[in-house]
Amino acid sequence: MSPETPEHGQGSEGRDDDPQDLRSVLVTSVLSLEPLDEDLFRGRHYWVPTTQRLFGGQIVGQALVAAAKSVSEDVHVHSLHCYFVRAGDPKVPVLYQVERTRTGMSFSVRSVKAVQHGKPIFICQASFQQTQPSPVQHQFSMPTVPPPEELPDYDTLIGQYLSDPNLQKKYRVGLNRITAKEVPIEIKVVNPHSRNQLQKMEPRQMFWVRSRGYIGEGDMKMHCCVAAYISDYAFLGTALLPHQGQHKVSVLVSLDHSMWFHAPFRADHWMLYECESPWAGGSRGLVHGRLWRQDGVLAVTCAQEGVIRVKPQVSQSKL
């Protein structure tokens, strides 16, 4: 891993968990791989969604950890493109096989295959680049939103929903399941909607995210791996927002996931995750995302397509 420090003028003020002995579980457990041989690693699991499938963000993050171990310290990931080809089994570890596809002067490419039960469940191509200055620079402007300090955390927000005596039972059960899961990231939703607004929502959402615990300034590669984990959380659900309450979803799984890394950042500092779904159809949904540093710098861009299947509506005869 690299000694490079993200230089974005954001200190460690404002965290309750800054001491370095309080390491993020994403670093110490979730993204910690066991080396088995050269370019061969084994990863284990931490958080499993209610679907009982492996969390896609963890597979992406672990694959990027494996790829990063095969490149020199002076190169950093600038993009990755992944496909989820089989459902992951949370009961067994995942083997990550790295292929050193190309090592060039400026760019290096690594291929990673994640295997369970002798079959690939995930494939990934990651490209790394030596830092190079360029006079050609531009970016979109960051949306104007309340800072994270002014917003309730996710647990508090869910508690407010659960305190509503008129909340439907199906929502209450789902929210209780969410609170029962220990997720290693913190979330603060921008402009949270009440339950009776769900059918009116646009396919857009924004929330502040950061890893729980301390990661530190000395490892840009690890910050990218943590961002890969974070980027998949609640991402595909953006495509469901205009359809809440109209359909009962039976399948919601990722097909592919891509990321482009633009600027150094700290994944243990708040970043704004701006998500939107420009299209859904054909039992698929497409989502785009942007991770912004608090100082307005665009750090990461993401894209994902997933399968969305709903249960057929049974028409009730009035005869």
C-alpha atoms as a PDB file:
ATOM      1  CA  MET A   1       0.000   0.000   0.000  1.00  0.00           C
ATOM      2  CA  SER A   2       1.138   3.527  -0.710  1.00  0.00           C
ATOM      3  CA  PRO A   3       2.421   6.163   1.711  1.00  0.00           C
ATOM      4  CA  GLU A   4       0.744   8.908  -0.317  1.00  0.00           C
ATOM      5  CA  THR A   5      -1.376  11.315   1.699  1.00  0.00           C
ATOM      6  CA  PRO A   6      -4.663  12.690   0.331  1.00  0.00           C
ATOM      7  CA  GLU A   7      -4.098  16.426   0.120  1.00  0.00           C
ATOM      8  CA  HIS A   8      -7.469  18.086   0.287  1.00  0.00           C
ATOM      9  CA  GLY A   9      -7.132  20.396   3.244  1.00  0.00           C
ATOM     10  CA  GLN A  10      -9.549  18.444   5.425  1.00  0.00           C
ATOM     11  CA  GLY A  11      -8.165  17.693   8.850  1.00  0.00           C
ATOM     12  CA  SER A  12      -9.376  15.134  11.359  1.00  0.00           C
ATOM     13  CA  GLU A  13     -11.455  17.583  13.364  1.00  0.00           C
ATOM     14  CA  GLY A  14     -15.044  16.690  14.200  1.00  0.00           C
ATOM     15  CA  ARG A  15     -14.647  12.946  14.629  1.00  0.00           C
ATOM     16  CA  ASP A  16     -15.424  11.243  17.898  1.00  0.00           C
ATOM     17  CA  ASP A  17     -13.301   8.244  16.905  1.00  0.00           C
ATOM     18  CA  ASP A  18     -10.031   9.818  15.737  1.00  0.00           C
ATOM     19  CA  PRO A  19      -7.581   7.929  18.005  1.00  0.00           C
ATOM     20  CA  GLN A  20      -5.536   5.613  15.838  1.00  0.00           C
ATOM     21  CA  ASP A  21      -6.205   2.630  18.111  1.00  0.00           C
ATOM     22  CA  LEU A  22      -9.867   2.784  17.040  1.00  0.00           C
ATOM     23  CA  ARG A  23      -9.286   1.388  13.569  1.00  0.00           C
ATOM     24  CA  SER A  24     -12.104   1.059  11.098  1.00  0.00           C
ATOM     25  CA  VAL A  25     -13.501  -2.471  10.934  1.00  0.00           C
ATOM     26  CA  LEU A  26     -13.444  -2.029   7.150  1.00  0.00           C
ATOM     27  CA  VAL A  27      -9.641  -2.039   7.323  1.00  0.00           C
ATOM     28  CA  THR A  28      -9.079  -4.573  10.087  1.00  0.00           C
ATOM     29  CA  SER A  29     -11.700  -7.151   9.063  1.00  0.00           C
ATOM     30  CA  VAL A  30     -13.890  -6.562   6.031  1.00  0.00           C
ATOM     31  CA  LEU A  31     -11.124  -5.652   3.559  1.00  0.00           C
ATOM     32  CA  SER A  32      -8.353  -7.682   5.182  1.00  0.00           C
ATOM     33  CA  LEU A  33      -7.275 -10.527   2.874  1.00  0.00           C
ATOM     34  CA  GLU A  34      -5.289 -13.650   3.744  1.00  0.00           C
ATOM     35  CA  PRO A  35      -2.436 -14.274   1.270  1.00  0.00           C
ATOM     36  CA  LEU A  36      -2.338 -17.915   0.134  1.00  0.00           C
ATOM     37  CA  ASP A  37       0.184 -17.730  -2.710  1.00  0.00           C
ATOM     38  CA  GLU A  38       1.512 -15.129  -5.137  1.00  0.00           C
ATOM     39  CA  ASP A  39      -1.498 -13.178  -6.429  1.00  0.00           C
ATOM     40  CA  LEU A  40      -3.912 -15.508  -4.621  1.00  0.00           C
ATOM     41  CA  PHE A  41      -5.915 -14.332  -1.583  1.00  0.00           C
ATOM     42  CA  ARG A  42      -8.791 -15.444   0.603  1.00  0.00           C
ATOM     43  CA  GLY A  43     -11.428 -13.076   1.908  1.00  0.00           C
ATOM     44  CA  ARG A  44     -14.056 -13.587   4.561  1.00  0.00           C
ATOM     45  CA  HIS A  45     -17.325 -11.807   5.240  1.00  0.00           C
ATOM     46  CA  TYR A  46     -18.584  -9.309   7.750  1.00  0.00           C
ATOM     47  CA  TRP A  47     -21.986  -7.871   6.867  1.00  0.00           C
ATOM     48  CA  VAL A  48     -24.604  -9.895   4.963  1.00  0.00           C
ATOM     49  CA  PRO A  49     -27.740  -8.121   3.660  1.00  0.00           C
ATOM     50  CA  THR A  50     -31.211  -9.423   4.437  1.00  0.00           C
ATOM     51  CA  THR A  51     -31.187 -11.079   0.996  1.00  0.00           C
ATOM     52  CA  GLN A  52     -28.575 -13.499   2.426  1.00  0.00           C
ATOM     53  CA  ARG A  53     -26.394 -12.880  -0.623  1.00  0.00           C
ATOM     54  CA  LEU A  54     -22.890 -11.526  -0.297  1.00  0.00           C
ATOM     55  CA  PHE A  55     -22.799  -7.729  -0.278  1.00  0.00           C
ATOM     56  CA  GLY A  56     -21.525  -6.625  -3.684  1.00  0.00           C
ATOM     57  CA  GLY A  57     -19.573  -3.695  -2.256  1.00  0.00           C
ATOM     58  CA  GLN A  58     -17.510  -6.061  -0.144  1.00  0.00           C
ATOM     59  CA  ILE A  59     -16.602  -8.188  -3.165  1.00  0.00           C
ATOM     60  CA  VAL A  60     -15.613  -5.077  -5.151  1.00  0.00           C
ATOM     61  CA  GLY A  61     -13.589  -3.720  -2.226  1.00  0.00           C
ATOM     62  CA  GLN A  62     -11.787  -7.009  -1.554  1.00  0.00           C
ATOM     63  CA  ALA A  63     -11.029  -7.500  -5.254  1.00  0.00           C
ATOM     64  CA  LEU A  64      -9.494  -4.022  -5.395  1.00  0.00           C
ATOM     65  CA  VAL A  65      -7.398  -4.810  -2.304  1.00  0.00           C
ATOM     66  CA  ALA A  66      -6.097  -7.926  -4.061  1.00  0.00           C
ATOM     67  CA  ALA A  67      -5.317  -6.015  -7.271  1.00  0.00           C
ATOM     68  CA  ALA A  68      -3.586  -3.192  -5.391  1.00  0.00           C
ATOM     69  CA  LYS A  69      -1.202  -5.654  -3.730  1.00  0.00           C
ATOM     70  CA  SER A  70       0.225  -6.535  -7.165  1.00  0.00           C
ATOM     71  CA  VAL A  71       1.241  -3.024  -8.240  1.00  0.00           C
ATOM     72  CA  SER A  72       4.005  -0.694  -7.092  1.00  0.00           C
ATOM     73  CA  GLU A  73       3.466   2.018  -4.507  1.00  0.00           C
ATOM     74  CA  ASP A  74       3.764   4.856  -7.021  1.00  0.00           C
ATOM     75  CA  VAL A  75       0.612   3.930  -8.981  1.00  0.00           C
ATOM     76  CA  HIS A  76      -3.016   4.301  -7.922  1.00  0.00           C
ATOM     77  CA  VAL A  77      -6.288   2.989  -9.225  1.00  0.00           C
ATOM     78  CA  HIS A  78      -8.062   5.327 -11.631  1.00  0.00           C
ATOM     79  CA  SER A  79     -10.860   2.996 -12.793  1.00  0.00           C
ATOM     80  CA  LEU A  80     -12.410  -0.420 -12.321  1.00  0.00           C
ATOM     81  CA  HIS A  81     -15.094  -2.334 -14.182  1.00  0.00           C
ATOM     82  CA  CYS A  82     -16.771  -5.373 -12.665  1.00  0.00           C
ATOM     83  CA  TYR A  83     -19.381  -8.006 -13.427  1.00  0.00           C
ATOM     84  CA  PHE A  84     -21.283 -10.062 -10.878  1.00  0.00           C
ATOM     85  CA  VAL A  85     -21.769 -13.420 -12.615  1.00  0.00           C
ATOM     86  CA  ARG A  86     -23.128 -15.620  -9.803  1.00  0.00           C
ATOM     87  CA  ALA A  87     -24.704 -15.057  -6.399  1.00  0.00           C
ATOM     88  CA  GLY A  88     -22.131 -15.202  -3.614  1.00  0.00           C
ATOM     89  CA  ASP A  89     -22.454 -17.691  -0.763  1.00  0.00           C
ATOM     90  CA  PRO A  90     -21.991 -15.933   2.603  1.00  0.00           C
ATOM     91  CA  LYS A  91     -21.230 -19.240   4.357  1.00  0.00           C
ATOM     92  CA  VAL A  92     -17.851 -19.804   2.691  1.00  0.00           C
ATOM     93  CA  PRO A  93     -14.775 -17.622   1.985  1.00  0.00           C
ATOM     94  CA  VAL A  94     -14.004 -16.136  -1.431  1.00  0.00           C
ATOM     95  CA  LEU A  95     -10.769 -16.806  -3.321  1.00  0.00           C
ATOM     96  CA  TYR A  96      -9.346 -13.885  -5.299  1.00  0.00           C
ATOM     97  CA  GLN A  97      -7.056 -14.717  -8.219  1.00  0.00           C
ATOM     98  CA  VAL A  98      -5.078 -11.782  -9.651  1.00  0.00           C
ATOM     99  CA  GLU A  99      -3.697 -11.738 -13.188  1.00  0.00           C
ATOM    100  CA  ARG A 100      -1.044  -9.145 -14.013  1.00  0.00           C
ATOM    101  CA  THR A 101      -2.486  -8.294 -17.412  1.00  0.00           C
ATOM    102  CA  ARG A 102      -0.123  -5.420 -18.178  1.00  0.00           C
ATOM    103  CA  THR A 103       2.508  -3.398 -16.355  1.00  0.00           C
ATOM    104  CA  GLY A 104       3.412  -0.276 -18.321  1.00  0.00           C
ATOM    105  CA  MET A 105       5.368   2.915 -17.705  1.00  0.00           C
ATOM    106  CA  SER A 106       2.280   4.991 -16.825  1.00  0.00           C
ATOM    107  CA  PHE A 107      -0.632   2.543 -16.675  1.00  0.00           C
ATOM    108  CA  SER A 108      -0.947  -0.979 -15.276  1.00  0.00           C
ATOM    109  CA  VAL A 109      -3.936  -3.297 -15.632  1.00  0.00           C
ATOM    110  CA  ARG A 110      -4.919  -6.115 -13.294  1.00  0.00           C
ATOM    111  CA  SER A 111      -7.652  -8.714 -13.729  1.00  0.00           C
ATOM    112  CA  VAL A 112      -9.260 -10.247 -10.643  1.00  0.00           C
ATOM    113  CA  LYS A 113     -11.492 -13.299 -10.512  1.00  0.00           C
ATOM    114  CA  ALA A 114     -13.464 -14.097  -7.347  1.00  0.00           C
ATOM    115  CA  VAL A 115     -14.173 -17.820  -6.962  1.00  0.00           C
ATOM    116  CA  GLN A 116     -16.463 -19.904  -4.745  1.00  0.00           C
ATOM    117  CA  HIS A 117     -17.210 -23.614  -5.031  1.00  0.00           C
ATOM    118  CA  GLY A 118     -14.787 -23.789  -7.970  1.00  0.00           C
ATOM    119  CA  LYS A 119     -16.735 -21.272 -10.091  1.00  0.00           C
ATOM    120  CA  PRO A 120     -16.254 -17.537 -10.687  1.00  0.00           C
ATOM    121  CA  ILE A 121     -18.836 -15.345  -8.966  1.00  0.00           C
ATOM    122  CA  PHE A 122     -17.270 -12.013  -9.954  1.00  0.00           C
ATOM    123  CA  ILE A 123     -14.733 -10.656 -12.442  1.00  0.00           C
ATOM    124  CA  CYS A 124     -13.012  -7.282 -12.356  1.00  0.00           C
ATOM    125  CA  GLN A 125     -10.597  -5.227 -14.430  1.00  0.00           C
ATOM    126  CA  ALA A 126      -8.744  -2.479 -12.555  1.00  0.00           C
ATOM    127  CA  SER A 127      -6.421   0.077 -14.121  1.00  0.00           C
ATOM    128  CA  PHE A 128      -3.718   1.918 -12.166  1.00  0.00           C
ATOM    129  CA  GLN A 129      -1.841   5.072 -13.163  1.00  0.00           C
ATOM    130  CA  GLN A 130       1.207   6.987 -12.028  1.00  0.00           C
ATOM    131  CA  THR A 131       0.202  10.473 -10.854  1.00  0.00           C
ATOM    132  CA  GLN A 132       0.577  12.870 -13.754  1.00  0.00           C
ATOM    133  CA  PRO A 133      -0.160  16.613 -13.841  1.00  0.00           C
ATOM    134  CA  SER A 134      -2.375  18.001 -16.590  1.00  0.00           C
ATOM    135  CA  PRO A 135      -3.480  21.517 -17.580  1.00  0.00           C
ATOM    136  CA  VAL A 136      -6.760  20.051 -18.897  1.00  0.00           C
ATOM    137  CA  GLN A 137      -9.055  20.108 -15.863  1.00  0.00           C
ATOM    138  CA  HIS A 138     -12.758  20.664 -15.146  1.00  0.00           C
ATOM    139  CA  GLN A 139     -15.565  19.210 -13.054  1.00  0.00           C
ATOM    140  CA  PHE A 140     -19.250  19.689 -12.310  1.00  0.00           C
ATOM    141  CA  SER A 141     -20.250  21.768  -9.283  1.00  0.00           C
ATOM    142  CA  MET A 142     -21.150  20.025  -6.071  1.00  0.00           C
ATOM    143  CA  PRO A 143     -24.841  20.308  -5.073  1.00  0.00           C
ATOM    144  CA  THR A 144     -25.641  22.737  -2.272  1.00  0.00           C
ATOM    145  CA  VAL A 145     -26.875  20.673   0.668  1.00  0.00           C
ATOM    146  CA  PRO A 146     -26.894  20.935   4.483  1.00  0.00           C
ATOM    147  CA  PRO A 147     -23.622  19.790   6.065  1.00  0.00           C
ATOM    148  CA  PRO A 148     -23.629  16.385   7.806  1.00  0.00           C
ATOM    149  CA  GLU A 149     -23.413  18.022  11.227  1.00  0.00           C
ATOM    150  CA  GLU A 150     -26.932  19.414  10.735  1.00  0.00           C
ATOM    151  CA  LEU A 151     -28.534  16.093   9.746  1.00  0.00           C
ATOM    152  CA  PRO A 152     -29.714  13.145  11.888  1.00  0.00           C
ATOM    153  CA  ASP A 153     -27.807   9.897  11.528  1.00  0.00           C
ATOM    154  CA  TYR A 154     -29.409   6.876   9.870  1.00  0.00           C
ATOM    155  CA  ASP A 155     -30.333   5.155  13.132  1.00  0.00           C
ATOM    156  CA  THR A 156     -32.039   8.299  14.431  1.00  0.00           C
ATOM    157  CA  LEU A 157     -33.936   8.703  11.161  1.00  0.00           C
ATOM    158  CA  ILE A 158     -35.148   5.096  11.254  1.00  0.00           C
ATOM    159  CA  GLY A 159     -36.157   5.593  14.883  1.00  0.00           C
ATOM    160  CA  GLN A 160     -38.312   8.532  13.808  1.00  0.00           C
ATOM    161  CA  TYR A 161     -40.027   6.358  11.195  1.00  0.00           C
ATOM    162  CA  LEU A 162     -40.621   3.567  13.718  1.00  0.00           C
ATOM    163  CA  SER A 163     -42.133   6.003  16.234  1.00  0.00           C
ATOM    164  CA  ASP A 164     -44.941   6.786  13.789  1.00  0.00           C
ATOM    165  CA  PRO A 165     -48.003   4.819  15.025  1.00  0.00           C
ATOM    166  CA  ASN A 166     -49.462   4.885  11.498  1.00  0.00           C
ATOM    167  CA  LEU A 167     -46.434   3.193   9.912  1.00  0.00           C
ATOM    168  CA  GLN A 168     -47.516   0.124   7.956  1.00  0.00           C
ATOM    169  CA  LYS A 169     -46.414  -3.233   9.331  1.00  0.00           C
ATOM    170  CA  LYS A 170     -44.443  -4.173   6.199  1.00  0.00           C
ATOM    171  CA  TYR A 171     -42.319  -1.022   6.550  1.00  0.00           C
ATOM    172  CA  ARG A 172     -41.894  -1.553  10.289  1.00  0.00           C
ATOM    173  CA  VAL A 173     -40.565  -5.084   9.767  1.00  0.00           C
ATOM    174  CA  GLY A 174     -38.117  -3.935   7.110  1.00  0.00           C
ATOM    175  CA  LEU A 175     -36.802  -1.041   9.199  1.00  0.00           C
ATOM    176  CA  ASN A 176     -36.300  -3.295  12.221  1.00  0.00           C
ATOM    177  CA  ARG A 177     -34.255  -5.634  10.045  1.00  0.00           C
ATOM    178  CA  ILE A 178     -32.060  -2.724   8.961  1.00  0.00           C
ATOM    179  CA  THR A 179     -31.398  -1.614  12.530  1.00  0.00           C
ATOM    180  CA  ALA A 180     -30.511  -5.184  13.536  1.00  0.00           C
ATOM    181  CA  LYS A 181     -27.623  -5.249  11.044  1.00  0.00           C
ATOM    182  CA  GLU A 182     -24.298  -3.736  12.094  1.00  0.00           C
ATOM    183  CA  VAL A 183     -23.179  -1.862   8.990  1.00  0.00           C
ATOM    184  CA  PRO A 184     -19.565  -0.574   9.066  1.00  0.00           C
ATOM    185  CA  ILE A 185     -20.432   2.770   7.448  1.00  0.00           C
ATOM    186  CA  GLU A 186     -22.209   5.885   8.692  1.00  0.00           C
ATOM    187  CA  ILE A 187     -24.979   7.513   6.679  1.00  0.00           C
ATOM    188  CA  LYS A 188     -26.845  10.822   6.947  1.00  0.00           C
ATOM    189  CA  VAL A 189     -29.664  11.239   4.439  1.00  0.00           C
ATOM    190  CA  VAL A 190     -30.156  14.632   2.764  1.00  0.00           C
ATOM    191  CA  ASN A 191     -33.840  15.636   2.549  1.00  0.00           C
ATOM    192  CA  PRO A 192     -35.283  12.409   3.992  1.00  0.00           C
ATOM    193  CA  HIS A 193     -38.839  11.697   2.918  1.00  0.00           C
ATOM    194  CA  SER A 194     -41.710  10.650   5.080  1.00  0.00           C
ATOM    195  CA  ARG A 195     -43.365   7.314   4.340  1.00  0.00           C
ATOM    196  CA  ASN A 196     -46.414   8.893   2.735  1.00  0.00           C
ATOM    197  CA  GLN A 197     -44.143  10.607   0.189  1.00  0.00           C
ATOM    198  CA  LEU A 198     -42.600   7.421  -1.137  1.00  0.00           C
ATOM    199  CA  GLN A 199     -44.831   7.178  -4.204  1.00  0.00           C
ATOM    200  CA  LYS A 200     -43.913  10.729  -5.271  1.00  0.00           C
ATOM    201  CA  MET A 201     -40.132  10.434  -5.134  1.00  0.00           C
ATOM    202  CA  GLU A 202     -37.869  11.199  -8.069  1.00  0.00           C
ATOM    203  CA  PRO A 203     -35.150   8.638  -8.899  1.00  0.00           C
ATOM    204  CA  ARG A 204     -32.584  10.739  -7.073  1.00  0.00           C
ATOM    205  CA  GLN A 205     -31.140  10.689  -3.566  1.00  0.00           C
ATOM    206  CA  MET A 206     -28.204  12.177  -1.714  1.00  0.00           C
ATOM    207  CA  PHE A 207     -26.598  11.184   1.537  1.00  0.00           C
ATOM    208  CA  TRP A 208     -23.410  11.828   3.432  1.00  0.00           C
ATOM    209  CA  VAL A 209     -21.297   8.701   3.949  1.00  0.00           C
ATOM    210  CA  ARG A 210     -18.086   7.745   5.698  1.00  0.00           C
ATOM    211  CA  SER A 211     -16.568   4.607   7.155  1.00  0.00           C
ATOM    212  CA  ARG A 212     -16.981   3.925  10.846  1.00  0.00           C
ATOM    213  CA  GLY A 213     -13.715   4.236  12.736  1.00  0.00           C
ATOM    214  CA  TYR A 214     -10.320   5.641  11.799  1.00  0.00           C
ATOM    215  CA  ILE A 215      -8.371   4.851   8.628  1.00  0.00           C
ATOM    216  CA  GLY A 216      -5.757   7.599   8.618  1.00  0.00           C
ATOM    217  CA  GLU A 217      -3.958   9.664   6.005  1.00  0.00           C
ATOM    218  CA  GLY A 218      -1.178   7.308   4.964  1.00  0.00           C
ATOM    219  CA  ASP A 219      -2.823   4.863   2.582  1.00  0.00           C
ATOM    220  CA  MET A 220      -4.627   6.205  -0.488  1.00  0.00           C
ATOM    221  CA  LYS A 221      -5.059   2.713  -1.938  1.00  0.00           C
ATOM    222  CA  MET A 222      -7.026   1.630   1.132  1.00  0.00           C
ATOM    223  CA  HIS A 223      -9.232   4.727   0.965  1.00  0.00           C
ATOM    224  CA  CYS A 224     -10.113   3.721  -2.611  1.00  0.00           C
ATOM    225  CA  CYS A 225     -10.924   0.173  -1.484  1.00  0.00           C
ATOM    226  CA  VAL A 226     -13.182   1.496   1.286  1.00  0.00           C
ATOM    227  CA  ALA A 227     -14.894   3.823  -1.201  1.00  0.00           C
ATOM    228  CA  ALA A 228     -15.528   0.798  -3.432  1.00  0.00           C
ATOM    229  CA  TYR A 229     -17.273  -0.881  -0.496  1.00  0.00           C
ATOM    230  CA  ILE A 230     -19.302   2.233   0.342  1.00  0.00           C
ATOM    231  CA  SER A 231     -20.300   2.931  -3.268  1.00  0.00           C
ATOM    232  CA  ASP A 232     -22.578  -0.127  -3.537  1.00  0.00           C
ATOM    233  CA  TYR A 233     -24.617   0.586  -0.402  1.00  0.00           C
ATOM    234  CA  ALA A 234     -28.200   1.626  -1.271  1.00  0.00           C
ATOM    235  CA  PHE A 235     -26.978   2.504  -4.785  1.00  0.00           C
ATOM    236  CA  LEU A 236     -29.276   0.366  -6.944  1.00  0.00           C
ATOM    237  CA  GLY A 237     -32.218   1.203  -4.691  1.00  0.00           C
ATOM    238  CA  THR A 238     -32.221   4.661  -6.312  1.00  0.00           C
ATOM    239  CA  ALA A 239     -33.939   3.100  -9.338  1.00  0.00           C
ATOM    240  CA  LEU A 240     -36.831   1.964  -7.129  1.00  0.00           C
ATOM    241  CA  LEU A 241     -37.690   5.354  -5.651  1.00  0.00           C
ATOM    242  CA  PRO A 242     -40.389   6.336  -8.222  1.00  0.00           C
ATOM    243  CA  HIS A 243     -42.038   2.915  -7.833  1.00  0.00           C
ATOM    244  CA  GLN A 244     -42.254   2.537  -4.042  1.00  0.00           C
ATOM    245  CA  GLY A 245     -45.593   1.173  -2.944  1.00  0.00           C
ATOM    246  CA  GLN A 246     -46.604   0.217  -6.498  1.00  0.00           C
ATOM    247  CA  HIS A 247     -44.734  -3.072  -6.841  1.00  0.00           C
ATOM    248  CA  LYS A 248     -43.318  -5.734  -4.562  1.00  0.00           C
ATOM    249  CA  VAL A 249     -39.719  -6.354  -5.582  1.00  0.00           C
ATOM    250  CA  SER A 250     -38.726 -10.011  -5.754  1.00  0.00           C
ATOM    251  CA  VAL A 251     -35.191  -9.604  -7.167  1.00  0.00           C
ATOM    252  CA  LEU A 252     -32.803  -6.649  -6.794  1.00  0.00           C
ATOM    253  CA  VAL A 253     -29.214  -7.622  -7.601  1.00  0.00           C
ATOM    254  CA  SER A 254     -26.234  -5.935  -9.228  1.00  0.00           C
ATOM    255  CA  LEU A 255     -25.120  -6.969 -12.706  1.00  0.00           C
ATOM    256  CA  ASP A 256     -22.091  -4.731 -13.075  1.00  0.00           C
ATOM    257  CA  HIS A 257     -20.317  -1.913 -11.266  1.00  0.00           C
ATOM    258  CA  SER A 258     -17.844   0.693 -12.525  1.00  0.00           C
ATOM    259  CA  MET A 259     -15.852   3.386 -10.728  1.00  0.00           C
ATOM    260  CA  TRP A 260     -13.562   6.212 -11.793  1.00  0.00           C
ATOM    261  CA  PHE A 261     -11.268   7.808  -9.194  1.00  0.00           C
ATOM    262  CA  HIS A 262     -10.505  11.479  -9.841  1.00  0.00           C
ATOM    263  CA  ALA A 263      -8.867  13.038  -6.777  1.00  0.00           C
ATOM    264  CA  PRO A 264      -7.398  11.993  -3.398  1.00  0.00           C
ATOM    265  CA  PHE A 265      -9.889  11.730  -0.522  1.00  0.00           C
ATOM    266  CA  ARG A 266     -10.396  10.327   2.967  1.00  0.00           C
ATOM    267  CA  ALA A 267     -13.053   7.605   3.170  1.00  0.00           C
ATOM    268  CA  ASP A 268     -13.218   8.115   6.948  1.00  0.00           C
ATOM    269  CA  HIS A 269     -14.303  11.742   6.390  1.00  0.00           C
ATOM    270  CA  TRP A 270     -17.794  12.686   5.290  1.00  0.00           C
ATOM    271  CA  MET A 271     -18.394  12.581   1.531  1.00  0.00           C
ATOM    272  CA  LEU A 272     -21.612  13.455  -0.264  1.00  0.00           C
ATOM    273  CA  TYR A 273     -22.970  10.568  -2.349  1.00  0.00           C
ATOM    274  CA  GLU A 274     -25.162  11.942  -5.136  1.00  0.00           C
ATOM    275  CA  CYS A 275     -27.157   9.156  -6.811  1.00  0.00           C
ATOM    276  CA  GLU A 276     -29.600   9.222  -9.718  1.00  0.00           C
ATOM    277  CA  SER A 277     -31.269   6.682 -11.987  1.00  0.00           C
ATOM    278  CA  PRO A 278     -31.702   7.998 -15.555  1.00  0.00           C
ATOM    279  CA  TRP A 279     -33.451   4.851 -16.805  1.00  0.00           C
ATOM    280  CA  ALA A 280     -35.173   1.605 -15.823  1.00  0.00           C
ATOM    281  CA  GLY A 281     -36.800  -0.991 -18.072  1.00  0.00           C
ATOM    282  CA  GLY A 282     -36.454  -4.529 -19.376  1.00  0.00           C
ATOM    283  CA  SER A 283     -36.197  -5.808 -15.776  1.00  0.00           C
ATOM    284  CA  ARG A 284     -33.058  -3.705 -15.335  1.00  0.00           C
ATOM    285  CA  GLY A 285     -32.214  -0.370 -13.755  1.00  0.00           C
ATOM    286  CA  LEU A 286     -29.280   1.981 -14.338  1.00  0.00           C
ATOM    287  CA  VAL A 287     -27.822   4.246 -11.652  1.00  0.00           C
ATOM    288  CA  HIS A 288     -25.098   6.893 -11.670  1.00  0.00           C
ATOM    289  CA  GLY A 289     -23.313   8.225  -8.595  1.00  0.00           C
ATOM    290  CA  ARG A 290     -20.823  10.901  -7.605  1.00  0.00           C
ATOM    291  CA  LEU A 291     -18.823  11.043  -4.379  1.00  0.00           C
ATOM    292  CA  TRP A 292     -17.925  14.607  -3.402  1.00  0.00           C
ATOM    293  CA  ARG A 293     -15.415  15.755  -0.802  1.00  0.00           C
ATOM    294  CA  GLN A 294     -16.748  18.339   1.625  1.00  0.00           C
ATOM    295  CA  ASP A 295     -14.590  21.001   0.008  1.00  0.00           C
ATOM    296  CA  GLY A 296     -16.484  20.531  -3.294  1.00  0.00           C
ATOM    297  CA  VAL A 297     -13.946  18.384  -5.147  1.00  0.00           C
ATOM    298  CA  LEU A 298     -15.373  15.515  -7.195  1.00  0.00           C
ATOM    299  CA  ALA A 299     -13.506  12.459  -5.892  1.00  0.00           C
ATOM    300  CA  VAL A 300     -15.217   9.437  -7.477  1.00  0.00           C
ATOM    301  CA  THR A 301     -17.806   8.688 -10.171  1.00  0.00           C
ATOM    302  CA  CYS A 302     -19.770   5.414 -10.155  1.00  0.00           C
ATOM    303  CA  ALA A 303     -22.199   3.582 -12.438  1.00  0.00           C
ATOM    304  CA  GLN A 304     -24.126   0.360 -11.977  1.00  0.00           C
ATOM    305  CA  GLU A 305     -26.812  -1.686 -13.692  1.00  0.00           C
ATOM    306  CA  GLY A 306     -28.868  -4.277 -11.871  1.00  0.00           C
ATOM    307  CA  VAL A 307     -31.710  -6.724 -12.251  1.00  0.00           C
ATOM    308  CA  ILE A 308     -35.066  -5.503 -10.953  1.00  0.00           C
ATOM    309  CA  ARG A 309     -37.889  -8.031 -10.964  1.00  0.00           C
ATOM    310  CA  VAL A 310     -41.250  -7.555  -9.298  1.00  0.00           C
ATOM    311  CA  LYS A 311     -43.934 -10.004  -8.303  1.00  0.00           C
ATOM    312  CA  PRO A 312     -46.860 -10.029 -10.724  1.00  0.00           C
ATOM    313  CA  GLN A 313     -49.948  -8.284  -9.478  1.00  0.00           C
ATOM    314  CA  VAL A 314     -52.881 -10.624  -8.986  1.00  0.00           C
ATOM    315  CA  SER A 315     -56.069  -9.032 -10.194  1.00  0.00           C
ATOM    316  CA  GLN A 316     -58.962  -9.453  -7.808  1.00  0.00           C
ATOM    317  CA  SER A 317     -62.216 -10.375  -9.434  1.00  0.00           C
ATOM    318  CA  LYS A 318     -65.201  -8.335  -8.377  1.00  0.00           C
ATOM    319  CA  LEU A 319     -67.665 -11.042  -9.387  1.00  0.00           C
END
